[in-house]
PDB file of N, CA and C in Angstrom:
ATOM      1  N   GLU A   1       6.552 111.664  18.245  1.00  0.00           N
ATOM      2  CA  GLU A   1       5.679 111.509  17.099  1.00  0.00           C
ATOM      3  C   GLU A   1       4.642 112.625  17.133  1.00  0.00           C
ATOM      4  N   ALA A   2       4.348 113.188  15.986  1.00  0.00           N
ATOM      5  CA  ALA A   2       3.394 114.293  15.896  1.00  0.00           C
ATOM      6  C   ALA A   2       1.968 113.812  16.168  1.00  0.00           C
ATOM      7  N   LEU A   3       1.142 114.740  16.622  1.00  0.00           N
ATOM      8  CA  LEU A   3      -0.274 114.428  16.826  1.00  0.00           C
ATOM      9  C   LEU A   3      -0.962 114.256  15.486  1.00  0.00           C
ATOM     10  N   ASP A   4      -1.965 113.422  15.461  1.00  0.00           N
ATOM     11  CA  ASP A   4      -2.736 113.203  14.238  1.00  0.00           C
ATOM     12  C   ASP A   4      -3.758 114.326  14.094  1.00  0.00           C
ATOM     13  N   GLY A   5      -3.649 115.108  13.017  1.00  0.00           N
ATOM     14  CA  GLY A   5      -4.535 116.243  12.791  1.00  0.00           C
ATOM     15  C   GLY A   5      -5.810 115.898  12.059  1.00  0.00           C
ATOM     16  N   GLY A   6      -6.052 114.635  11.800  1.00  0.00           N
ATOM     17  CA  GLY A   6      -7.253 114.246  11.083  1.00  0.00           C
ATOM     18  C   GLY A   6      -7.097 114.447   9.595  1.00  0.00           C
ATOM     19  N   PRO A   7      -8.170 114.217   8.838  1.00  0.00           N
ATOM     20  CA  PRO A   7      -8.084 114.272   7.380  1.00  0.00           C
ATOM     21  C   PRO A   7      -7.699 115.645   6.827  1.00  0.00           C
ATOM     22  N   ASP A   8      -8.120 116.711   7.497  1.00  0.00           N
ATOM     23  CA  ASP A   8      -7.791 118.052   6.996  1.00  0.00           C
ATOM     24  C   ASP A   8      -6.541 118.625   7.646  1.00  0.00           C
ATOM     25  N   GLY A   9      -5.979 117.914   8.618  1.00  0.00           N
ATOM     26  CA  GLY A   9      -4.759 118.358   9.275  1.00  0.00           C
ATOM     27  C   GLY A   9      -4.979 119.266  10.465  1.00  0.00           C
ATOM     28  N   ILE A  10      -6.196 119.773  10.647  1.00  0.00           N
ATOM     29  CA  ILE A  10      -6.409 120.723  11.741  1.00  0.00           C
ATOM     30  C   ILE A  10      -7.575 120.333  12.655  1.00  0.00           C
ATOM     31  N   THR A  11      -7.956 119.092  12.651  1.00  0.00           N
ATOM     32  CA  THR A  11      -9.069 118.640  13.495  1.00  0.00           C
ATOM     33  C   THR A  11      -8.809 118.936  14.963  1.00  0.00           C
ATOM     34  N   LEU A  12      -7.633 118.613  15.444  1.00  0.00           N
ATOM     35  CA  LEU A  12      -7.302 118.856  16.845  1.00  0.00           C
ATOM     36  C   LEU A  12      -7.217 120.354  17.131  1.00  0.00           C
ATOM     37  N   ILE A  13      -6.646 121.109  16.223  1.00  0.00           N
ATOM     38  CA  ILE A  13      -6.560 122.571  16.394  1.00  0.00           C
ATOM     39  C   ILE A  13      -7.956 123.168  16.486  1.00  0.00           C
ATOM     40  N   ALA A  14      -8.870 122.720  15.653  1.00  0.00           N
ATOM     41  CA  ALA A  14     -10.243 123.227  15.691  1.00  0.00           C
ATOM     42  C   ALA A  14     -10.888 122.930  17.039  1.00  0.00           C
ATOM     43  N   ARG A  15     -10.652 121.754  17.569  1.00  0.00           N
ATOM     44  CA  ARG A  15     -11.232 121.387  18.865  1.00  0.00           C
ATOM     45  C   ARG A  15     -10.641 122.218  19.993  1.00  0.00           C
ATOM     46  N   ILE A  16      -9.325 122.408  19.974  1.00  0.00           N
ATOM     47  CA  ILE A  16      -8.671 123.225  20.998  1.00  0.00           C
ATOM     48  C   ILE A  16      -9.184 124.660  20.929  1.00  0.00           C
ATOM     49  N   ALA A  17      -9.289 125.210  19.728  1.00  0.00           N
ATOM     50  CA  ALA A  17      -9.750 126.586  19.567  1.00  0.00           C
ATOM     51  C   ALA A  17     -11.173 126.755  20.094  1.00  0.00           C
ATOM     52  N   ALA A  18     -12.044 125.825  19.780  1.00  0.00           N
ATOM     53  CA  ALA A  18     -13.433 125.902  20.249  1.00  0.00           C
ATOM     54  C   ALA A  18     -13.510 125.756  21.768  1.00  0.00           C
ATOM     55  N   ASP A  19     -12.752 124.837  22.326  1.00  0.00           N
ATOM     56  CA  ASP A  19     -12.776 124.611  23.773  1.00  0.00           C
ATOM     57  C   ASP A  19     -12.121 125.746  24.553  1.00  0.00           C
ATOM     58  N   ALA A  20     -11.138 126.399  23.978  1.00  0.00           N
ATOM     59  CA  ALA A  20     -10.391 127.436  24.685  1.00  0.00           C
ATOM     60  C   ALA A  20     -11.145 128.759  24.766  1.00  0.00           C
ATOM     61  N   LEU A  21     -11.900 129.107  23.749  1.00  0.00           N
ATOM     62  CA  LEU A  21     -12.526 130.428  23.698  1.00  0.00           C
ATOM     63  C   LEU A  21     -13.357 130.749  24.935  1.00  0.00           C
ATOM     64  N   PRO A  22     -14.257 129.879  25.389  1.00  0.00           N
ATOM     65  CA  PRO A  22     -15.036 130.234  26.576  1.00  0.00           C
ATOM     66  C   PRO A  22     -14.229 130.210  27.881  1.00  0.00           C
ATOM     67  N   ARG A  23     -13.040 129.633  27.838  1.00  0.00           N
ATOM     68  CA  ARG A  23     -12.218 129.545  29.046  1.00  0.00           C
ATOM     69  C   ARG A  23     -11.242 130.712  29.182  1.00  0.00           C
ATOM     70  N   LEU A  24     -10.970 131.405  28.093  1.00  0.00           N
ATOM     71  CA  LEU A  24     -10.031 132.524  28.125  1.00  0.00           C
ATOM     72  C   LEU A  24     -10.706 133.769  28.676  1.00  0.00           C
ATOM     73  N   LYS A  25      -9.954 134.554  29.434  1.00  0.00           N
ATOM     74  CA  LYS A  25     -10.449 135.853  29.865  1.00  0.00           C
ATOM     75  C   LYS A  25     -10.558 136.745  28.637  1.00  0.00           C
ATOM     76  N   PRO A  26     -11.393 137.780  28.664  1.00  0.00           N
ATOM     77  CA  PRO A  26     -11.453 138.706  27.527  1.00  0.00           C
ATOM     78  C   PRO A  26     -10.051 139.256  27.216  1.00  0.00           C
ATOM     79  N   GLY A  27      -9.666 139.159  25.978  1.00  0.00           N
ATOM     80  CA  GLY A  27      -8.337 139.598  25.562  1.00  0.00           C
ATOM     81  C   GLY A  27      -7.256 138.563  25.787  1.00  0.00           C
ATOM     82  N   GLY A  28      -7.641 137.376  26.305  1.00  0.00           N
ATOM     83  CA  GLY A  28      -6.669 136.314  26.542  1.00  0.00           C
ATOM     84  C   GLY A  28      -6.057 135.821  25.240  1.00  0.00           C
ATOM     85  N   LEU A  29      -4.850 135.310  25.324  1.00  0.00           N
ATOM     86  CA  LEU A  29      -4.105 134.880  24.142  1.00  0.00           C
ATOM     87  C   LEU A  29      -4.131 133.367  23.988  1.00  0.00           C
ATOM     88  N   LEU A  30      -4.456 132.930  22.791  1.00  0.00           N
ATOM     89  CA  LEU A  30      -4.335 131.528  22.414  1.00  0.00           C
ATOM     90  C   LEU A  30      -3.146 131.421  21.467  1.00  0.00           C
ATOM     91  N   ALA A  31      -2.226 130.519  21.766  1.00  0.00           N
ATOM     92  CA  ALA A  31      -1.057 130.289  20.917  1.00  0.00           C
ATOM     93  C   ALA A  31      -1.027 128.809  20.539  1.00  0.00           C
ATOM     94  N   LEU A  32      -0.929 128.546  19.249  1.00  0.00           N
ATOM     95  CA  LEU A  32      -0.960 127.179  18.737  1.00  0.00           C
ATOM     96  C   LEU A  32       0.208 126.939  17.785  1.00  0.00           C
ATOM     97  N   GLU A  33       0.920 125.845  17.975  1.00  0.00           N
ATOM     98  CA  GLU A  33       1.917 125.449  16.991  1.00  0.00           C
ATOM     99  C   GLU A  33       1.169 124.797  15.829  1.00  0.00           C
ATOM    100  N   ILE A  34       1.523 125.201  14.607  1.00  0.00           N
ATOM    101  CA  ILE A  34       0.823 124.700  13.423  1.00  0.00           C
ATOM    102  C   ILE A  34       1.819 124.160  12.412  1.00  0.00           C
ATOM    103  N   GLY A  35       1.299 123.423  11.454  1.00  0.00           N
ATOM    104  CA  GLY A  35       2.121 122.898  10.363  1.00  0.00           C
ATOM    105  C   GLY A  35       2.515 123.999   9.404  1.00  0.00           C
ATOM    106  N   GLU A  36       3.563 123.773   8.670  1.00  0.00           N
ATOM    107  CA  GLU A  36       4.144 124.807   7.812  1.00  0.00           C
ATOM    108  C   GLU A  36       3.232 125.297   6.701  1.00  0.00           C
ATOM    109  N   ASP A  37       2.201 124.550   6.363  1.00  0.00           N
ATOM    110  CA  ASP A  37       1.296 124.973   5.293  1.00  0.00           C
ATOM    111  C   ASP A  37      -0.135 125.184   5.791  1.00  0.00           C
ATOM    112  N   GLU A  38      -0.288 125.388   7.113  1.00  0.00           N
ATOM    113  CA  GLU A  38      -1.623 125.502   7.691  1.00  0.00           C
ATOM    114  C   GLU A  38      -2.012 126.918   8.095  1.00  0.00           C
ATOM    115  N   GLY A  39      -1.151 127.889   7.882  1.00  0.00           N
ATOM    116  CA  GLY A  39      -1.399 129.240   8.373  1.00  0.00           C
ATOM    117  C   GLY A  39      -2.708 129.851   7.928  1.00  0.00           C
ATOM    118  N   ALA A  40      -2.983 129.849   6.643  1.00  0.00           N
ATOM    119  CA  ALA A  40      -4.212 130.464   6.134  1.00  0.00           C
ATOM    120  C   ALA A  40      -5.440 129.725   6.642  1.00  0.00           C
ATOM    121  N   LEU A  41      -5.402 128.405   6.633  1.00  0.00           N
ATOM    122  CA  LEU A  41      -6.533 127.598   7.074  1.00  0.00           C
ATOM    123  C   LEU A  41      -6.815 127.809   8.562  1.00  0.00           C
ATOM    124  N   VAL A  42      -5.772 127.788   9.391  1.00  0.00           N
ATOM    125  CA  VAL A  42      -5.946 127.980  10.831  1.00  0.00           C
ATOM    126  C   VAL A  42      -6.379 129.419  11.116  1.00  0.00           C
ATOM    127  N   GLY A  43      -5.818 130.383  10.416  1.00  0.00           N
ATOM    128  CA  GLY A  43      -6.236 131.775  10.597  1.00  0.00           C
ATOM    129  C   GLY A  43      -7.715 131.955  10.321  1.00  0.00           C
ATOM    130  N   ASP A  44      -8.184 131.392   9.232  1.00  0.00           N
ATOM    131  CA  ASP A  44      -9.613 131.466   8.895  1.00  0.00           C
ATOM    132  C   ASP A  44     -10.462 130.771   9.961  1.00  0.00           C
ATOM    133  N   LEU A  45     -10.005 129.621  10.423  1.00  0.00           N
ATOM    134  CA  LEU A  45     -10.736 128.878  11.450  1.00  0.00           C
ATOM    135  C   LEU A  45     -10.864 129.710  12.723  1.00  0.00           C
ATOM    136  N   LEU A  46      -9.769 130.340  13.154  1.00  0.00           N
ATOM    137  CA  LEU A  46      -9.797 131.140  14.376  1.00  0.00           C
ATOM    138  C   LEU A  46     -10.715 132.350  14.235  1.00  0.00           C
ATOM    139  N   ARG A  47     -10.662 133.007  13.100  1.00  0.00           N
ATOM    140  CA  ARG A  47     -11.551 134.157  12.875  1.00  0.00           C
ATOM    141  C   ARG A  47     -13.013 133.727  12.894  1.00  0.00           C
ATOM    142  N   SER A  48     -13.324 132.634  12.241  1.00  0.00           N
ATOM    143  CA  SER A  48     -14.716 132.188  12.184  1.00  0.00           C
ATOM    144  C   SER A  48     -15.193 131.679  13.545  1.00  0.00           C
ATOM    145  N   ALA A  49     -14.268 131.268  14.413  1.00  0.00           N
ATOM    146  CA  ALA A  49     -14.625 130.819  15.761  1.00  0.00           C
ATOM    147  C   ALA A  49     -14.871 131.991  16.706  1.00  0.00           C
ATOM    148  N   GLY A  50     -14.521 133.209  16.275  1.00  0.00           N
ATOM    149  CA  GLY A  50     -14.767 134.379  17.102  1.00  0.00           C
ATOM    150  C   GLY A  50     -13.537 135.022  17.711  1.00  0.00           C
ATOM    151  N   TYR A  51     -12.362 134.559  17.347  1.00  0.00           N
ATOM    152  CA  TYR A  51     -11.137 135.163  17.866  1.00  0.00           C
ATOM    153  C   TYR A  51     -10.835 136.470  17.137  1.00  0.00           C
ATOM    154  N   ARG A  52     -10.098 137.344  17.816  1.00  0.00           N
ATOM    155  CA  ARG A  52      -9.676 138.628  17.248  1.00  0.00           C
ATOM    156  C   ARG A  52      -8.142 138.645  17.139  1.00  0.00           C
ATOM    157  N   GLU A  53      -7.657 139.640  16.459  1.00  0.00           N
ATOM    158  CA  GLU A  53      -6.203 139.849  16.341  1.00  0.00           C
ATOM    159  C   GLU A  53      -5.467 138.560  15.969  1.00  0.00           C
ATOM    160  N   VAL A  54      -5.989 137.859  15.002  1.00  0.00           N
ATOM    161  CA  VAL A  54      -5.397 136.599  14.561  1.00  0.00           C
ATOM    162  C   VAL A  54      -4.175 136.896  13.696  1.00  0.00           C
ATOM    163  N   ARG A  55      -3.082 136.227  14.005  1.00  0.00           N
ATOM    164  CA  ARG A  55      -1.896 136.350  13.154  1.00  0.00           C
ATOM    165  C   ARG A  55      -1.120 135.042  13.150  1.00  0.00           C
ATOM    166  N   VAL A  56      -0.352 134.853  12.102  1.00  0.00           N
ATOM    167  CA  VAL A  56       0.473 133.662  11.951  1.00  0.00           C
ATOM    168  C   VAL A  56       1.924 134.112  11.877  1.00  0.00           C
ATOM    169  N   GLU A  57       2.751 133.527  12.718  1.00  0.00           N
ATOM    170  CA  GLU A  57       4.180 133.828  12.745  1.00  0.00           C
ATOM    171  C   GLU A  57       4.943 132.719  12.035  1.00  0.00           C
ATOM    172  N   LYS A  58       6.035 133.103  11.424  1.00  0.00           N
ATOM    173  CA  LYS A  58       6.872 132.139  10.701  1.00  0.00           C
ATOM    174  C   LYS A  58       8.063 131.727  11.554  1.00  0.00           C
ATOM    175  N   ASP A  59       8.586 130.530  11.279  1.00  0.00           N
ATOM    176  CA  ASP A  59       9.795 130.072  11.955  1.00  0.00           C
ATOM    177  C   ASP A  59      11.021 130.621  11.230  1.00  0.00           C
ATOM    178  N   LEU A  60      12.201 130.247  11.676  1.00  0.00           N
ATOM    179  CA  LEU A  60      13.433 130.775  11.083  1.00  0.00           C
ATOM    180  C   LEU A  60      13.628 130.347   9.632  1.00  0.00           C
ATOM    181  N   ALA A  61      12.975 129.272   9.236  1.00  0.00           N
ATOM    182  CA  ALA A  61      13.065 128.805   7.847  1.00  0.00           C
ATOM    183  C   ALA A  61      12.028 129.490   6.951  1.00  0.00           C
ATOM    184  N   GLY A  62      11.178 130.347   7.544  1.00  0.00           N
ATOM    185  CA  GLY A  62      10.180 131.060   6.765  1.00  0.00           C
ATOM    186  C   GLY A  62       8.863 130.330   6.588  1.00  0.00           C
ATOM    187  N   HIS A  63       8.649 129.274   7.376  1.00  0.00           N
ATOM    188  CA  HIS A  63       7.410 128.490   7.291  1.00  0.00           C
ATOM    189  C   HIS A  63       6.441 128.922   8.381  1.00  0.00           C
ATOM    190  N   ASP A  64       5.143 128.884   8.085  1.00  0.00           N
ATOM    191  CA  ASP A  64       4.130 129.119   9.103  1.00  0.00           C
ATOM    192  C   ASP A  64       4.395 128.166  10.256  1.00  0.00           C
ATOM    193  N   ARG A  65       4.390 128.701  11.499  1.00  0.00           N
ATOM    194  CA  ARG A  65       4.694 127.833  12.626  1.00  0.00           C
ATOM    195  C   ARG A  65       3.851 128.105  13.861  1.00  0.00           C
ATOM    196  N   LEU A  66       3.365 129.329  14.024  1.00  0.00           N
ATOM    197  CA  LEU A  66       2.657 129.690  15.246  1.00  0.00           C
ATOM    198  C   LEU A  66       1.445 130.534  14.891  1.00  0.00           C
ATOM    199  N   ALA A  67       0.290 130.136  15.377  1.00  0.00           N
ATOM    200  CA  ALA A  67      -0.936 130.926  15.198  1.00  0.00           C
ATOM    201  C   ALA A  67      -1.274 131.556  16.548  1.00  0.00           C
ATOM    202  N   LEU A  68      -1.499 132.851  16.535  1.00  0.00           N
ATOM    203  CA  LEU A  68      -1.819 133.605  17.742  1.00  0.00           C
ATOM    204  C   LEU A  68      -3.152 134.286  17.554  1.00  0.00           C
ATOM    205  N   ALA A  69      -3.968 134.316  18.597  1.00  0.00           N
ATOM    206  CA  ALA A  69      -5.277 134.950  18.505  1.00  0.00           C
ATOM    207  C   ALA A  69      -5.731 135.383  19.895  1.00  0.00           C
ATOM    208  N   ARG A  70      -6.502 136.457  19.942  1.00  0.00           N
ATOM    209  CA  ARG A  70      -7.054 136.957  21.211  1.00  0.00           C
ATOM    210  C   ARG A  70      -8.531 136.647  21.305  1.00  0.00           C
ATOM    211  N   SER A  71      -8.954 136.363  22.536  1.00  0.00           N
ATOM    212  CA  SER A  71     -10.375 136.078  22.759  1.00  0.00           C
ATOM    213  C   SER A  71     -11.188 137.366  22.763  1.00  0.00           C
TER     214      SER A  71
END
């Protein structure tokens, strides 16, 4: 069963992103599996949290699936 993302769908992702940033070494990579329609929202969240080199990768069906960002 999928994790509950809260009312906006990314509550848990936001918490993981905030908690991970101070724990990552400079230039460390954060990789998150995301929902197929969450790419833009998660990308914006990661940028506003202070991550760099944010990108969203698509799965084989062409849906947003993976958000990557550097600390």
